[in-house]
Amino acid sequence: MPIALTKLTDRLDSAGARRGPRLWALGLLLALCLGLGVPNAPADTYTVTNTADSGAGSLRAALGSATEGDTIVFDASLAGATITLASALPSAASVTFANASGITVS
């Protein structure tokens, strides 16, 4: 019995030794891919063009469409305007706002 186990162990060791360089190269490739990462999709820009509570061009519509890294821009014609909301806005995780100076949201 001990001889058969020894031969099986020898076979496993030699098979592992042949696979070693391939596994090492695969591991290195995987580490490089994870380290370098896959580029993210480019960020989108949504423009608020009116003071309506909802619908096309509204702040609510822009927030509903935006995802992390996107930018919401307020049209220059809205400077000094007030956007009156009927209900709470959806949360905006990591969204950048631009040209919001002088705009009031209530």
C-alpha atoms as a PDB file:
ATOM      1  CA  MET A   1       0.000   0.000   0.000  1.00  0.00           C
ATOM      2  CA  PRO A   2       2.619   2.627   0.848  1.00  0.00           C
ATOM      3  CA  ILE A   3       4.213   2.177  -2.610  1.00  0.00           C
ATOM      4  CA  ALA A   4       0.929   2.927  -4.410  1.00  0.00           C
ATOM      5  CA  LEU A   5       0.400   6.071  -2.352  1.00  0.00           C
ATOM      6  CA  THR A   6       3.943   7.213  -3.067  1.00  0.00           C
ATOM      7  CA  LYS A   7       3.457   6.764  -6.815  1.00  0.00           C
ATOM      8  CA  LEU A   8       0.176   8.686  -6.687  1.00  0.00           C
ATOM      9  CA  THR A   9       1.859  11.491  -4.771  1.00  0.00           C
ATOM     10  CA  ASP A  10       4.701  11.551  -7.320  1.00  0.00           C
ATOM     11  CA  ARG A  11       2.179  11.820 -10.147  1.00  0.00           C
ATOM     12  CA  LEU A  12       0.372  14.701  -8.458  1.00  0.00           C
ATOM     13  CA  ASP A  13       3.643  16.507  -7.772  1.00  0.00           C
ATOM     14  CA  SER A  14       4.869  16.149 -11.358  1.00  0.00           C
ATOM     15  CA  ALA A  15       1.485  17.246 -12.775  1.00  0.00           C
ATOM     16  CA  GLY A  16       1.501  20.263 -10.489  1.00  0.00           C
ATOM     17  CA  ALA A  17       5.030  21.126 -11.512  1.00  0.00           C
ATOM     18  CA  ARG A  18       4.023  21.108 -15.198  1.00  0.00           C
ATOM     19  CA  ARG A  19       1.033  23.339 -14.470  1.00  0.00           C
ATOM     20  CA  GLY A  20       2.977  25.660 -12.188  1.00  0.00           C
ATOM     21  CA  PRO A  21       4.299  28.091 -14.823  1.00  0.00           C
ATOM     22  CA  ARG A  22       0.908  28.298 -16.526  1.00  0.00           C
ATOM     23  CA  LEU A  23      -0.890  28.952 -13.261  1.00  0.00           C
ATOM     24  CA  TRP A  24       1.702  31.526 -12.288  1.00  0.00           C
ATOM     25  CA  ALA A  25       1.277  33.342 -15.626  1.00  0.00           C
ATOM     26  CA  LEU A  26      -2.516  33.208 -15.312  1.00  0.00           C
ATOM     27  CA  GLY A  27      -2.286  34.584 -11.772  1.00  0.00           C
ATOM     28  CA  LEU A  28      -0.014  37.391 -12.946  1.00  0.00           C
ATOM     29  CA  LEU A  29      -2.380  38.268 -15.795  1.00  0.00           C
ATOM     30  CA  LEU A  30      -5.336  38.309 -13.406  1.00  0.00           C
ATOM     31  CA  ALA A  31      -3.462  40.513 -10.936  1.00  0.00           C
ATOM     32  CA  LEU A  32      -2.535  42.965 -13.690  1.00  0.00           C
ATOM     33  CA  CYS A  33      -6.108  43.146 -14.935  1.00  0.00           C
ATOM     34  CA  LEU A  34      -7.459  43.760 -11.454  1.00  0.00           C
ATOM     35  CA  GLY A  35      -4.741  46.247 -10.652  1.00  0.00           C
ATOM     36  CA  LEU A  36      -5.131  48.248 -13.829  1.00  0.00           C
ATOM     37  CA  GLY A  37      -8.878  47.907 -13.838  1.00  0.00           C
ATOM     38  CA  VAL A  38     -11.265  48.274 -16.698  1.00  0.00           C
ATOM     39  CA  PRO A  39     -11.954  51.874 -17.625  1.00  0.00           C
ATOM     40  CA  ASN A  40     -15.327  53.178 -16.469  1.00  0.00           C
ATOM     41  CA  ALA A  41     -17.885  54.384 -18.925  1.00  0.00           C
ATOM     42  CA  PRO A  42     -17.609  58.101 -19.549  1.00  0.00           C
ATOM     43  CA  ALA A  43     -19.729  60.273 -17.283  1.00  0.00           C
ATOM     44  CA  ASP A  44     -22.931  61.762 -18.679  1.00  0.00           C
ATOM     45  CA  THR A  45     -24.173  65.331 -18.343  1.00  0.00           C
ATOM     46  CA  TYR A  46     -27.839  66.165 -17.757  1.00  0.00           C
ATOM     47  CA  THR A  47     -29.116  69.722 -18.143  1.00  0.00           C
ATOM     48  CA  VAL A  48     -31.930  71.207 -16.063  1.00  0.00           C
ATOM     49  CA  THR A  49     -33.756  73.576 -18.393  1.00  0.00           C
ATOM     50  CA  ASN A  50     -36.894  74.485 -16.417  1.00  0.00           C
ATOM     51  CA  THR A  51     -38.255  74.919 -12.896  1.00  0.00           C
ATOM     52  CA  ALA A  52     -40.958  72.255 -13.230  1.00  0.00           C
ATOM     53  CA  ASP A  53     -41.250  69.664 -10.461  1.00  0.00           C
ATOM     54  CA  SER A  54     -41.079  66.797 -12.950  1.00  0.00           C
ATOM     55  CA  GLY A  55     -40.884  65.997 -16.630  1.00  0.00           C
ATOM     56  CA  ALA A  56     -38.294  66.563 -19.320  1.00  0.00           C
ATOM     57  CA  GLY A  57     -35.691  69.163 -18.373  1.00  0.00           C
ATOM     58  CA  SER A  58     -36.576  69.127 -14.667  1.00  0.00           C
ATOM     59  CA  LEU A  59     -34.200  68.634 -11.762  1.00  0.00           C
ATOM     60  CA  ARG A  60     -36.157  65.513 -10.757  1.00  0.00           C
ATOM     61  CA  ALA A  61     -35.732  63.994 -14.231  1.00  0.00           C
ATOM     62  CA  ALA A  62     -32.004  64.774 -14.234  1.00  0.00           C
ATOM     63  CA  LEU A  63     -31.524  63.173 -10.806  1.00  0.00           C
ATOM     64  CA  GLY A  64     -33.575  60.162 -11.873  1.00  0.00           C
ATOM     65  CA  SER A  65     -31.332  59.600 -14.895  1.00  0.00           C
ATOM     66  CA  ALA A  66     -27.949  60.427 -13.348  1.00  0.00           C
ATOM     67  CA  THR A  67     -25.642  57.767 -11.968  1.00  0.00           C
ATOM     68  CA  GLU A  68     -22.412  57.977  -9.999  1.00  0.00           C
ATOM     69  CA  GLY A  69     -19.914  60.352 -11.595  1.00  0.00           C
ATOM     70  CA  ASP A  70     -22.446  62.159 -13.795  1.00  0.00           C
ATOM     71  CA  THR A  71     -22.913  65.934 -13.844  1.00  0.00           C
ATOM     72  CA  ILE A  72     -26.142  67.908 -13.611  1.00  0.00           C
ATOM     73  CA  VAL A  73     -25.866  71.353 -15.177  1.00  0.00           C
ATOM     74  CA  PHE A  74     -28.394  74.144 -14.668  1.00  0.00           C
ATOM     75  CA  ASP A  75     -29.136  76.152 -17.802  1.00  0.00           C
ATOM     76  CA  ALA A  76     -27.994  79.784 -17.560  1.00  0.00           C
ATOM     77  CA  SER A  77     -31.599  80.946 -18.052  1.00  0.00           C
ATOM     78  CA  LEU A  78     -32.420  79.543 -14.571  1.00  0.00           C
ATOM     79  CA  ALA A  79     -30.105  81.958 -12.719  1.00  0.00           C
ATOM     80  CA  GLY A  80     -32.025  83.370  -9.747  1.00  0.00           C
ATOM     81  CA  ALA A  81     -34.964  80.969 -10.279  1.00  0.00           C
ATOM     82  CA  THR A  82     -36.723  78.861  -7.662  1.00  0.00           C
ATOM     83  CA  ILE A  83     -37.533  75.198  -8.240  1.00  0.00           C
ATOM     84  CA  THR A  84     -40.535  74.283  -6.081  1.00  0.00           C
ATOM     85  CA  LEU A  85     -40.857  70.570  -5.326  1.00  0.00           C
ATOM     86  CA  ALA A  86     -44.064  68.673  -4.583  1.00  0.00           C
ATOM     87  CA  SER A  87     -42.141  65.829  -2.905  1.00  0.00           C
ATOM     88  CA  ALA A  88     -38.629  64.801  -1.896  1.00  0.00           C
ATOM     89  CA  LEU A  89     -36.068  64.329  -4.647  1.00  0.00           C
ATOM     90  CA  PRO A  90     -34.435  60.946  -5.268  1.00  0.00           C
ATOM     91  CA  SER A  91     -31.011  60.614  -3.670  1.00  0.00           C
ATOM     92  CA  ALA A  92     -28.037  61.543  -5.829  1.00  0.00           C
ATOM     93  CA  ALA A  93     -24.949  59.510  -5.007  1.00  0.00           C
ATOM     94  CA  SER A  94     -21.737  61.199  -6.157  1.00  0.00           C
ATOM     95  CA  VAL A  95     -23.323  63.509  -8.717  1.00  0.00           C
ATOM     96  CA  THR A  96     -21.700  66.854  -9.529  1.00  0.00           C
ATOM     97  CA  PHE A  97     -23.825  69.981  -9.868  1.00  0.00           C
ATOM     98  CA  ALA A  98     -22.693  72.846 -12.109  1.00  0.00           C
ATOM     99  CA  ASN A  99     -23.999  76.377 -12.724  1.00  0.00           C
ATOM    100  CA  ALA A 100     -26.248  76.155  -9.655  1.00  0.00           C
ATOM    101  CA  SER A 101     -25.361  79.600  -8.372  1.00  0.00           C
ATOM    102  CA  GLY A 102     -28.414  81.643  -7.469  1.00  0.00           C
ATOM    103  CA  ILE A 103     -30.864  78.767  -7.902  1.00  0.00           C
ATOM    104  CA  THR A 104     -33.166  77.960  -4.986  1.00  0.00           C
ATOM    105  CA  VAL A 105     -34.755  74.561  -4.453  1.00  0.00           C
ATOM    106  CA  SER A 106     -37.685  74.483  -2.059  1.00  0.00           C
END
